[in-house]
Amino acid sequence: MPAKKRITKKELDAIERSAKREAQKAAGALDGRYRPRVVKSKKGYARKPKHPPAEEA
């Protein structure tokens, strides 16, 4: 009879993550109604446009 396989910490974390995700799916968090809020990084350099749009007169 082979020895029992021990569950590693990595496998345990994966099991917990999958259980949490299933709970979120059941609650409807991943059905497209909720958008994650993303804060734009201020580390990147944002260039100003060379030619601003011409105003119509």
PDB file of N, CA and C in Angstrom:
ATOM      1  N   MET A   1       0.844  -1.178   0.000  1.00  0.00           N
ATOM      2  CA  MET A   1       0.000   0.000   0.000  1.00  0.00           C
ATOM      3  C   MET A   1       0.892   1.244   0.000  1.00  0.00           C
ATOM      4  N   PRO A   2       0.717   2.145  -0.994  1.00  0.00           N
ATOM      5  CA  PRO A   2       1.570   3.344  -1.048  1.00  0.00           C
ATOM      6  C   PRO A   2       1.241   4.309   0.090  1.00  0.00           C
ATOM      7  N   ALA A   3       2.242   5.095   0.450  1.00  0.00           N
ATOM      8  CA  ALA A   3       2.068   6.076   1.515  1.00  0.00           C
ATOM      9  C   ALA A   3       1.137   7.196   1.040  1.00  0.00           C
ATOM     10  N   LYS A   4       0.453   7.847   1.979  1.00  0.00           N
ATOM     11  CA  LYS A   4      -0.439   8.954   1.635  1.00  0.00           C
ATOM     12  C   LYS A   4       0.373  10.137   1.140  1.00  0.00           C
ATOM     13  N   LYS A   5      -0.144  10.802   0.130  1.00  0.00           N
ATOM     14  CA  LYS A   5       0.521  11.981  -0.416  1.00  0.00           C
ATOM     15  C   LYS A   5       0.169  13.189   0.445  1.00  0.00           C
ATOM     16  N   ARG A   6       1.181  13.900   0.870  1.00  0.00           N
ATOM     17  CA  ARG A   6       0.935  15.108   1.667  1.00  0.00           C
ATOM     18  C   ARG A   6       0.566  16.275   0.749  1.00  0.00           C
ATOM     19  N   ILE A   7      -0.341  17.096   1.206  1.00  0.00           N
ATOM     20  CA  ILE A   7      -0.742  18.270   0.443  1.00  0.00           C
ATOM     21  C   ILE A   7       0.241  19.391   0.767  1.00  0.00           C
ATOM     22  N   THR A   8       0.875  19.929  -0.275  1.00  0.00           N
ATOM     23  CA  THR A   8       1.838  21.009  -0.070  1.00  0.00           C
ATOM     24  C   THR A   8       1.095  22.327   0.125  1.00  0.00           C
ATOM     25  N   LYS A   9       1.827  23.313   0.601  1.00  0.00           N
ATOM     26  CA  LYS A   9       1.220  24.630   0.826  1.00  0.00           C
ATOM     27  C   LYS A   9       0.732  25.229  -0.490  1.00  0.00           C
ATOM     28  N   LYS A  10       1.485  25.010  -1.566  1.00  0.00           N
ATOM     29  CA  LYS A  10       1.107  25.530  -2.877  1.00  0.00           C
ATOM     30  C   LYS A  10      -0.222  24.920  -3.335  1.00  0.00           C
ATOM     31  N   GLU A  11      -0.370  23.619  -3.150  1.00  0.00           N
ATOM     32  CA  GLU A  11      -1.620  22.956  -3.533  1.00  0.00           C
ATOM     33  C   GLU A  11      -2.778  23.413  -2.667  1.00  0.00           C
ATOM     34  N   LEU A  12      -2.526  23.617  -1.382  1.00  0.00           N
ATOM     35  CA  LEU A  12      -3.562  24.075  -0.468  1.00  0.00           C
ATOM     36  C   LEU A  12      -4.046  25.473  -0.855  1.00  0.00           C
ATOM     37  N   ASP A  13      -3.092  26.356  -1.217  1.00  0.00           N
ATOM     38  CA  ASP A  13      -3.468  27.700  -1.657  1.00  0.00           C
ATOM     39  C   ASP A  13      -4.309  27.648  -2.922  1.00  0.00           C
ATOM     40  N   ALA A  14      -3.948  26.742  -3.846  1.00  0.00           N
ATOM     41  CA  ALA A  14      -4.701  26.612  -5.095  1.00  0.00           C
ATOM     42  C   ALA A  14      -6.122  26.132  -4.821  1.00  0.00           C
ATOM     43  N   ILE A  15      -6.274  25.204  -3.883  1.00  0.00           N
ATOM     44  CA  ILE A  15      -7.605  24.703  -3.522  1.00  0.00           C
ATOM     45  C   ILE A  15      -8.440  25.827  -2.915  1.00  0.00           C
ATOM     46  N   GLU A  16      -7.827  26.613  -2.030  1.00  0.00           N
ATOM     47  CA  GLU A  16      -8.554  27.721  -1.398  1.00  0.00           C
ATOM     48  C   GLU A  16      -8.951  28.774  -2.417  1.00  0.00           C
ATOM     49  N   ARG A  17      -8.049  29.083  -3.365  1.00  0.00           N
ATOM     50  CA  ARG A  17      -8.360  30.074  -4.400  1.00  0.00           C
ATOM     51  C   ARG A  17      -9.512  29.608  -5.268  1.00  0.00           C
ATOM     52  N   SER A  18      -9.501  28.319  -5.644  1.00  0.00           N
ATOM     53  CA  SER A  18     -10.568  27.815  -6.503  1.00  0.00           C
ATOM     54  C   SER A  18     -11.905  27.818  -5.767  1.00  0.00           C
ATOM     55  N   ALA A  19     -11.874  27.531  -4.465  1.00  0.00           N
ATOM     56  CA  ALA A  19     -13.116  27.557  -3.684  1.00  0.00           C
ATOM     57  C   ALA A  19     -13.647  28.979  -3.583  1.00  0.00           C
ATOM     58  N   LYS A  20     -12.743  29.935  -3.403  1.00  0.00           N
ATOM     59  CA  LYS A  20     -13.146  31.344  -3.307  1.00  0.00           C
ATOM     60  C   LYS A  20     -13.733  31.812  -4.648  1.00  0.00           C
ATOM     61  N   ARG A  21     -13.101  31.394  -5.745  1.00  0.00           N
ATOM     62  CA  ARG A  21     -13.590  31.786  -7.065  1.00  0.00           C
ATOM     63  C   ARG A  21     -14.972  31.189  -7.338  1.00  0.00           C
ATOM     64  N   GLU A  22     -15.180  29.954  -6.949  1.00  0.00           N
ATOM     65  CA  GLU A  22     -16.497  29.338  -7.134  1.00  0.00           C
ATOM     66  C   GLU A  22     -17.563  30.091  -6.348  1.00  0.00           C
ATOM     67  N   ALA A  23     -17.209  30.537  -5.135  1.00  0.00           N
ATOM     68  CA  ALA A  23     -18.159  31.312  -4.332  1.00  0.00           C
ATOM     69  C   ALA A  23     -18.471  32.641  -5.013  1.00  0.00           C
ATOM     70  N   GLN A  24     -17.441  33.258  -5.616  1.00  0.00           N
ATOM     71  CA  GLN A  24     -17.663  34.526  -6.319  1.00  0.00           C
ATOM     72  C   GLN A  24     -18.553  34.317  -7.548  1.00  0.00           C
ATOM     73  N   LYS A  25     -18.333  33.219  -8.267  1.00  0.00           N
ATOM     74  CA  LYS A  25     -19.165  32.923  -9.436  1.00  0.00           C
ATOM     75  C   LYS A  25     -20.616  32.716  -9.022  1.00  0.00           C
ATOM     76  N   ALA A  26     -20.809  32.007  -7.911  1.00  0.00           N
ATOM     77  CA  ALA A  26     -22.168  31.761  -7.429  1.00  0.00           C
ATOM     78  C   ALA A  26     -22.842  33.065  -7.022  1.00  0.00           C
ATOM     79  N   ALA A  27     -22.054  34.013  -6.514  1.00  0.00           N
ATOM     80  CA  ALA A  27     -22.610  35.302  -6.096  1.00  0.00           C
ATOM     81  C   ALA A  27     -22.842  36.239  -7.283  1.00  0.00           C
ATOM     82  N   GLY A  28     -22.336  35.857  -8.474  1.00  0.00           N
ATOM     83  CA  GLY A  28     -22.552  36.673  -9.668  1.00  0.00           C
ATOM     84  C   GLY A  28     -21.498  37.732  -9.883  1.00  0.00           C
ATOM     85  N   ALA A  29     -20.353  37.624  -9.229  1.00  0.00           N
ATOM     86  CA  ALA A  29     -19.333  38.662  -9.345  1.00  0.00           C
ATOM     87  C   ALA A  29     -18.623  38.638 -10.694  1.00  0.00           C
ATOM     88  N   LEU A  30     -18.699  37.522 -11.418  1.00  0.00           N
ATOM     89  CA  LEU A  30     -17.951  37.407 -12.663  1.00  0.00           C
ATOM     90  C   LEU A  30     -18.857  37.320 -13.885  1.00  0.00           C
ATOM     91  N   ASP A  31     -20.094  37.806 -13.772  1.00  0.00           N
ATOM     92  CA  ASP A  31     -20.997  37.690 -14.912  1.00  0.00           C
ATOM     93  C   ASP A  31     -21.035  38.954 -15.764  1.00  0.00           C
ATOM     94  N   GLY A  32     -20.096  39.876 -15.569  1.00  0.00           N
ATOM     95  CA  GLY A  32     -19.993  41.047 -16.428  1.00  0.00           C
ATOM     96  C   GLY A  32     -20.714  42.271 -15.900  1.00  0.00           C
ATOM     97  N   ARG A  33     -21.409  42.162 -14.780  1.00  0.00           N
ATOM     98  CA  ARG A  33     -22.125  43.327 -14.259  1.00  0.00           C
ATOM     99  C   ARG A  33     -21.212  44.252 -13.472  1.00  0.00           C
ATOM    100  N   TYR A  34     -20.125  43.710 -12.969  1.00  0.00           N
ATOM    101  CA  TYR A  34     -19.239  44.509 -12.136  1.00  0.00           C
ATOM    102  C   TYR A  34     -17.941  44.766 -12.887  1.00  0.00           C
ATOM    103  N   ARG A  35     -17.489  46.011 -12.876  1.00  0.00           N
ATOM    104  CA  ARG A  35     -16.238  46.357 -13.533  1.00  0.00           C
ATOM    105  C   ARG A  35     -15.178  46.635 -12.484  1.00  0.00           C
ATOM    106  N   PRO A  36     -13.993  46.097 -12.637  1.00  0.00           N
ATOM    107  CA  PRO A  36     -12.934  46.443 -11.691  1.00  0.00           C
ATOM    108  C   PRO A  36     -12.506  47.881 -11.895  1.00  0.00           C
ATOM    109  N   ARG A  37     -12.247  48.569 -10.834  1.00  0.00           N
ATOM    110  CA  ARG A  37     -11.836  49.960 -10.942  1.00  0.00           C
ATOM    111  C   ARG A  37     -10.321  50.002 -11.079  1.00  0.00           C
ATOM    112  N   VAL A  38      -9.867  50.628 -12.149  1.00  0.00           N
ATOM    113  CA  VAL A  38      -8.441  50.685 -12.427  1.00  0.00           C
ATOM    114  C   VAL A  38      -7.985  52.124 -12.296  1.00  0.00           C
ATOM    115  N   VAL A  39      -6.957  52.325 -11.501  1.00  0.00           N
ATOM    116  CA  VAL A  39      -6.382  53.655 -11.344  1.00  0.00           C
ATOM    117  C   VAL A  39      -5.195  53.738 -12.288  1.00  0.00           C
ATOM    118  N   LYS A  40      -5.189  54.742 -13.164  1.00  0.00           N
ATOM    119  CA  LYS A  40      -4.124  54.888 -14.141  1.00  0.00           C
ATOM    120  C   LYS A  40      -2.807  55.174 -13.436  1.00  0.00           C
ATOM    121  N   SER A  41      -1.754  54.504 -13.879  1.00  0.00           N
ATOM    122  CA  SER A  41      -0.435  54.688 -13.282  1.00  0.00           C
ATOM    123  C   SER A  41       0.107  56.059 -13.659  1.00  0.00           C
ATOM    124  N   LYS A  42       0.658  56.762 -12.694  1.00  0.00           N
ATOM    125  CA  LYS A  42       1.230  58.083 -12.963  1.00  0.00           C
ATOM    126  C   LYS A  42       2.720  57.997 -13.247  1.00  0.00           C
ATOM    127  N   LYS A  43       3.230  56.766 -13.313  1.00  0.00           N
ATOM    128  CA  LYS A  43       4.650  56.594 -13.600  1.00  0.00           C
ATOM    129  C   LYS A  43       4.950  56.810 -15.082  1.00  0.00           C
ATOM    130  N   GLY A  44       3.987  56.515 -15.928  1.00  0.00           N
ATOM    131  CA  GLY A  44       4.202  56.651 -17.366  1.00  0.00           C
ATOM    132  C   GLY A  44       4.124  58.107 -17.801  1.00  0.00           C
ATOM    133  N   TYR A  45       4.865  58.467 -18.826  1.00  0.00           N
ATOM    134  CA  TYR A  45       4.879  59.834 -19.340  1.00  0.00           C
ATOM    135  C   TYR A  45       3.756  59.985 -20.351  1.00  0.00           C
ATOM    136  N   ALA A  46       2.853  60.912 -20.125  1.00  0.00           N
ATOM    137  CA  ALA A  46       1.743  61.156 -21.039  1.00  0.00           C
ATOM    138  C   ALA A  46       2.086  62.356 -21.917  1.00  0.00           C
ATOM    139  N   ARG A  47       2.287  62.097 -23.214  1.00  0.00           N
ATOM    140  CA  ARG A  47       2.650  63.181 -24.132  1.00  0.00           C
ATOM    141  C   ARG A  47       1.423  64.024 -24.471  1.00  0.00           C
ATOM    142  N   LYS A  48       1.676  65.293 -24.673  1.00  0.00           N
ATOM    143  CA  LYS A  48       0.603  66.179 -25.128  1.00  0.00           C
ATOM    144  C   LYS A  48       0.519  66.062 -26.638  1.00  0.00           C
ATOM    145  N   PRO A  49      -0.659  66.160 -27.219  1.00  0.00           N
ATOM    146  CA  PRO A  49      -0.760  66.058 -28.675  1.00  0.00           C
ATOM    147  C   PRO A  49      -0.052  67.236 -29.360  1.00  0.00           C
ATOM    148  N   LYS A  50       0.633  66.961 -30.466  1.00  0.00           N
ATOM    149  CA  LYS A  50       1.370  68.028 -31.175  1.00  0.00           C
ATOM    150  C   LYS A  50       0.403  69.031 -31.778  1.00  0.00           C
ATOM    151  N   HIS A  51      -0.662  68.539 -32.337  1.00  0.00           N
ATOM    152  CA  HIS A  51      -1.625  69.428 -32.986  1.00  0.00           C
ATOM    153  C   HIS A  51      -2.974  69.226 -32.302  1.00  0.00           C
ATOM    154  N   PRO A  52      -3.340  70.138 -31.411  1.00  0.00           N
ATOM    155  CA  PRO A  52      -4.653  69.980 -30.764  1.00  0.00           C
ATOM    156  C   PRO A  52      -5.754  70.081 -31.807  1.00  0.00           C
ATOM    157  N   PRO A  53      -6.901  69.466 -31.557  1.00  0.00           N
ATOM    158  CA  PRO A  53      -7.988  69.513 -32.556  1.00  0.00           C
ATOM    159  C   PRO A  53      -8.428  70.945 -32.822  1.00  0.00           C
ATOM    160  N   ALA A  54      -8.605  71.264 -34.092  1.00  0.00           N
ATOM    161  CA  ALA A  54      -8.994  72.621 -34.502  1.00  0.00           C
ATOM    162  C   ALA A  54     -10.437  72.894 -34.070  1.00  0.00           C
ATOM    163  N   GLU A  55     -10.643  74.073 -33.533  1.00  0.00           N
ATOM    164  CA  GLU A  55     -12.002  74.456 -33.121  1.00  0.00           C
ATOM    165  C   GLU A  55     -12.797  74.881 -34.347  1.00  0.00           C
ATOM    166  N   GLU A  56     -14.032  74.434 -34.414  1.00  0.00           N
ATOM    167  CA  GLU A  56     -14.881  74.809 -35.552  1.00  0.00           C
ATOM    168  C   GLU A  56     -15.475  76.175 -35.295  1.00  0.00           C
ATOM    169  N   ALA A  57     -15.409  77.047 -36.337  1.00  0.00           N
ATOM    170  CA  ALA A  57     -15.923  78.401 -36.169  1.00  0.00           C
ATOM    171  C   ALA A  57     -17.186  78.628 -36.943  1.00  0.00           C
TER     172      ALA A  57
END
